[in-house]
Structure formats: structure tokens, C-alpha cells
N, C-alpha and C. Protein backbone atom coordinates (compact mmCIF):
# COMPACT_ATOMS: atom_id res chain seq x y z
N UNK A 1 133.20 125.70 35.79
CA UNK A 1 132.41 125.52 36.54
C UNK A 1 131.38 127.32 36.05
N UNK A 2 130.32 127.49 36.55
CA UNK A 2 129.74 128.62 36.80
C UNK A 2 129.48 129.76 37.10
N UNK A 3 129.72 131.08 36.24
CA UNK A 3 129.36 132.69 37.20
C UNK A 3 128.51 132.71 37.89
N UNK A 4 128.33 133.63 38.39
CA UNK A 4 127.40 134.48 39.35
C UNK A 4 126.41 135.13 38.38
N UNK A 5 127.02 135.01 37.27
CA UNK A 5 126.56 136.22 35.96
C UNK A 5 125.48 135.19 35.08
N UNK A 6 125.94 133.41 34.79
CA UNK A 6 125.35 132.68 34.05
C UNK A 6 124.25 132.32 34.82
N UNK A 7 124.51 132.16 36.65
CA UNK A 7 123.63 131.73 37.74
C UNK A 7 122.14 132.66 36.95
N UNK A 8 122.86 133.75 37.56
CA UNK A 8 121.57 134.83 37.56
C UNK A 8 121.02 134.79 36.04
N UNK A 9 121.33 134.84 34.92
CA UNK A 9 120.59 134.47 33.45
C UNK A 9 119.28 132.82 33.65
N UNK A 10 120.50 131.61 34.53
CA UNK A 10 119.01 130.83 33.99
C UNK A 10 118.38 130.46 35.24
N UNK A 11 118.45 131.94 36.00
CA UNK A 11 117.28 131.83 37.12
C UNK A 11 116.20 132.81 36.74
N UNK A 12 116.67 134.04 35.85
CA UNK A 12 115.46 134.19 34.60
C UNK A 12 114.85 133.81 34.14
N UNK A 13 115.43 132.85 32.87
CA UNK A 13 115.23 131.77 32.60
C UNK A 13 114.73 130.65 32.60
N UNK A 14 114.69 130.11 34.16
CA UNK A 14 113.91 129.34 33.96
C UNK A 14 112.32 129.92 35.07
N UNK A 15 112.28 131.13 34.49
CA UNK A 15 110.88 131.46 34.39
C UNK A 15 110.34 131.60 33.18
N UNK A 16 110.91 131.37 32.16
CA UNK A 16 110.04 131.01 30.94
C UNK A 16 110.26 129.57 30.38
N UNK A 17 110.93 129.37 30.54
CA UNK A 17 110.76 127.58 29.98
C UNK A 17 111.52 126.58 31.14
N UNK A 18 111.39 125.36 31.04
CA UNK A 18 111.94 124.67 32.29
C UNK A 18 113.41 124.27 31.63
N UNK A 19 113.88 123.80 32.67
CA UNK A 19 115.81 124.39 32.53
C UNK A 19 116.06 122.90 32.47
N UNK A 20 116.94 121.95 31.28
CA UNK A 20 117.24 120.87 31.12
C UNK A 20 118.11 120.45 32.48
N UNK A 21 118.53 119.52 32.63
CA UNK A 21 119.07 118.37 33.72
C UNK A 21 119.70 119.22 34.17
N UNK A 22 120.79 119.33 33.30
CA UNK A 22 122.06 119.39 33.43
C UNK A 22 122.91 121.37 33.27
N UNK A 23 121.53 122.04 33.38
CA UNK A 23 122.07 123.80 33.47
C UNK A 23 121.13 123.63 35.15
N UNK A 24 119.64 122.47 35.50
CA UNK A 24 119.33 122.75 36.92
C UNK A 24 121.25 122.11 37.82
N UNK A 25 121.16 121.22 37.20
CA UNK A 25 122.01 120.73 38.36
C UNK A 25 123.66 121.42 38.81
N UNK A 26 123.72 122.23 37.41
CA UNK A 26 125.05 123.25 37.52
C UNK A 26 124.61 124.30 38.28
N UNK A 27 123.36 125.01 38.82
CA UNK A 27 122.30 125.92 38.75
C UNK A 27 122.30 125.57 40.64
N UNK A 28 122.41 124.44 40.62
CA UNK A 28 122.41 123.38 42.14
C UNK A 28 123.11 124.02 42.69
N UNK A 29 124.40 123.43 42.30
CA UNK A 29 125.87 123.18 42.18
C UNK A 29 126.54 124.59 43.24
N UNK A 30 126.13 125.50 41.72
CA UNK A 30 126.66 127.08 41.75
C UNK A 30 125.76 127.29 42.88
N UNK A 31 124.38 127.62 42.95
CA UNK A 31 124.14 127.92 44.70
C UNK A 31 124.58 127.77 45.40
N UNK A 32 125.23 125.95 45.75
CA UNK A 32 124.80 125.40 47.67
C UNK A 32 126.29 126.85 47.53
N UNK A 33 127.06 127.13 46.53
CA UNK A 33 128.36 127.35 46.80
C UNK A 33 128.13 129.03 46.72
N UNK A 34 127.95 129.53 46.51
CA UNK A 34 127.67 130.74 46.93
C UNK A 34 126.53 131.49 47.19
N UNK A 35 126.77 132.14 48.04
CA UNK A 35 125.75 132.58 49.33
C UNK A 35 124.90 133.90 48.62
N UNK A 36 125.51 134.92 47.86
CA UNK A 36 124.83 136.30 46.33
C UNK A 36 123.96 135.38 45.53
N UNK A 37 124.22 133.86 44.90
CA UNK A 37 123.34 134.11 44.13
C UNK A 37 121.88 133.04 44.74
N UNK A 38 122.13 132.18 46.66
CA UNK A 38 121.84 131.20 46.91
C UNK A 38 121.05 132.82 47.27
N UNK A 39 120.87 133.55 47.82
CA UNK A 39 119.59 134.55 48.11
C UNK A 39 119.03 135.22 47.17
N UNK A 40 119.40 135.42 46.16
CA UNK A 40 119.57 136.25 44.22
C UNK A 40 118.47 135.12 43.85
N UNK A 41 118.61 133.73 44.14
CA UNK A 41 117.48 133.00 44.13
C UNK A 41 116.16 132.65 44.68
N UNK A 42 115.69 133.51 46.43
CA UNK A 42 115.10 133.10 46.87
C UNK A 42 114.71 134.58 47.28
N UNK A 43 115.10 135.03 46.21
CA UNK A 43 114.38 136.53 46.28
C UNK A 43 113.44 136.37 45.32
N UNK A 44 113.97 136.34 44.18
CA UNK A 44 112.70 136.19 43.11
C UNK A 44 112.21 134.64 43.04
N UNK A 45 112.16 134.11 44.23
CA UNK A 45 110.87 133.20 44.59
C UNK A 45 109.31 133.79 44.86
N UNK A 46 109.92 134.90 46.40
CA UNK A 46 109.17 136.23 47.09
C UNK A 46 108.31 136.32 46.24
N UNK A 47 109.48 137.20 45.14
CA UNK A 47 109.34 137.65 44.25
C UNK A 47 108.55 137.85 43.42
N UNK A 48 107.98 137.01 43.23
CA UNK A 48 107.01 135.90 41.87
C UNK A 48 106.10 135.47 42.88
N UNK A 49 105.99 135.43 44.18
CA UNK A 49 104.49 134.67 45.01
C UNK A 49 104.24 135.84 45.69
N UNK A 50 104.72 136.88 45.55
CA UNK A 50 104.20 138.06 46.30
C UNK A 50 103.37 138.75 44.78
N UNK A 51 104.23 138.63 44.01
CA UNK A 51 103.92 139.56 42.34
C UNK A 51 101.67 138.62 41.97
N UNK A 52 102.90 137.39 42.04
CA UNK A 52 100.75 136.11 42.13
C UNK A 52 99.92 136.54 42.71
N UNK A 53 99.93 136.96 44.18
CA UNK A 53 99.78 137.40 45.14
C UNK A 53 98.74 138.42 44.83
N UNK A 54 99.32 139.55 44.18
CA UNK A 54 98.29 140.56 43.91
C UNK A 54 98.04 140.20 43.35
N UNK A 55 98.46 139.90 41.58
CA UNK A 55 97.51 139.67 40.83
C UNK A 55 95.99 138.79 41.05
N UNK A 56 97.28 138.48 42.17
CA UNK A 56 94.92 137.19 42.16
C UNK A 56 94.53 137.98 42.88
N UNK A 57 94.63 139.06 44.20
CA UNK A 57 93.90 140.02 44.44
C UNK A 57 92.92 141.53 43.96
N UNK A 58 93.63 141.16 42.83
CA UNK A 58 93.16 141.93 41.49
C UNK A 58 92.40 141.11 40.76
N UNK A 59 93.00 140.34 39.96
CA UNK A 59 91.36 140.01 39.35
C UNK A 59 90.40 139.38 40.66
N UNK A 60 90.53 138.88 41.90
CA UNK A 60 89.06 139.29 42.70
C UNK A 60 88.84 140.54 42.79
N UNK A 61 89.09 141.73 42.94
CA UNK A 61 88.57 142.66 42.86
C UNK A 61 87.50 142.98 42.01
N UNK A 62 88.26 142.61 40.96
CA UNK A 62 87.78 143.26 39.43
C UNK A 62 86.15 142.01 39.46
N UNK A 63 86.64 140.95 39.73
CA UNK A 63 85.29 140.02 39.87
C UNK A 63 84.13 139.93 40.60
N UNK A 64 84.28 141.19 41.80
CA UNK A 64 83.68 141.58 42.68
C UNK A 64 82.58 142.88 42.44
N UNK A 65 83.13 143.75 41.28
CA UNK A 65 82.56 144.33 41.05
C UNK A 65 81.65 143.99 39.49
N UNK A 66 81.31 143.42 39.53
CA UNK A 66 81.21 143.05 38.58
C UNK A 66 79.72 142.39 39.16
């Protein structure tokens, strides 16, 4: 059984690489059972979305200055 530390490490790793099927399955089971890790995963997704939107806005601002 995966613990919370391993789960959060996999969540971070998933931002850099594709997780294996076994990793995705283990993480999925853990996040279904652990409310804290489930919330953490959602927060990471939200932060990623916000960061991408911010970066896109910055790029558009730079393009408009040209």
C-alpha cells in the first residue's frame, strides 16, 4: 500500500514524465482512499492551470508590445 509521501512524490513526478500503469493505478487507489492526497492532487492541477494561463497572458502581452 502506498503512503502519502510516495503519493505526493508520484504526483510531482507526473508533471515531468508519464507514470507507468502500475504507478497510475497505485496513485489512483491511494487518492480514492486518502482525502488529503486527493485534495493535494486537485490543488496541483489548479496551480498548473493558473500558471499556464499566467504564462500565456505574459506571452500575449509581449507579442502585443512588438
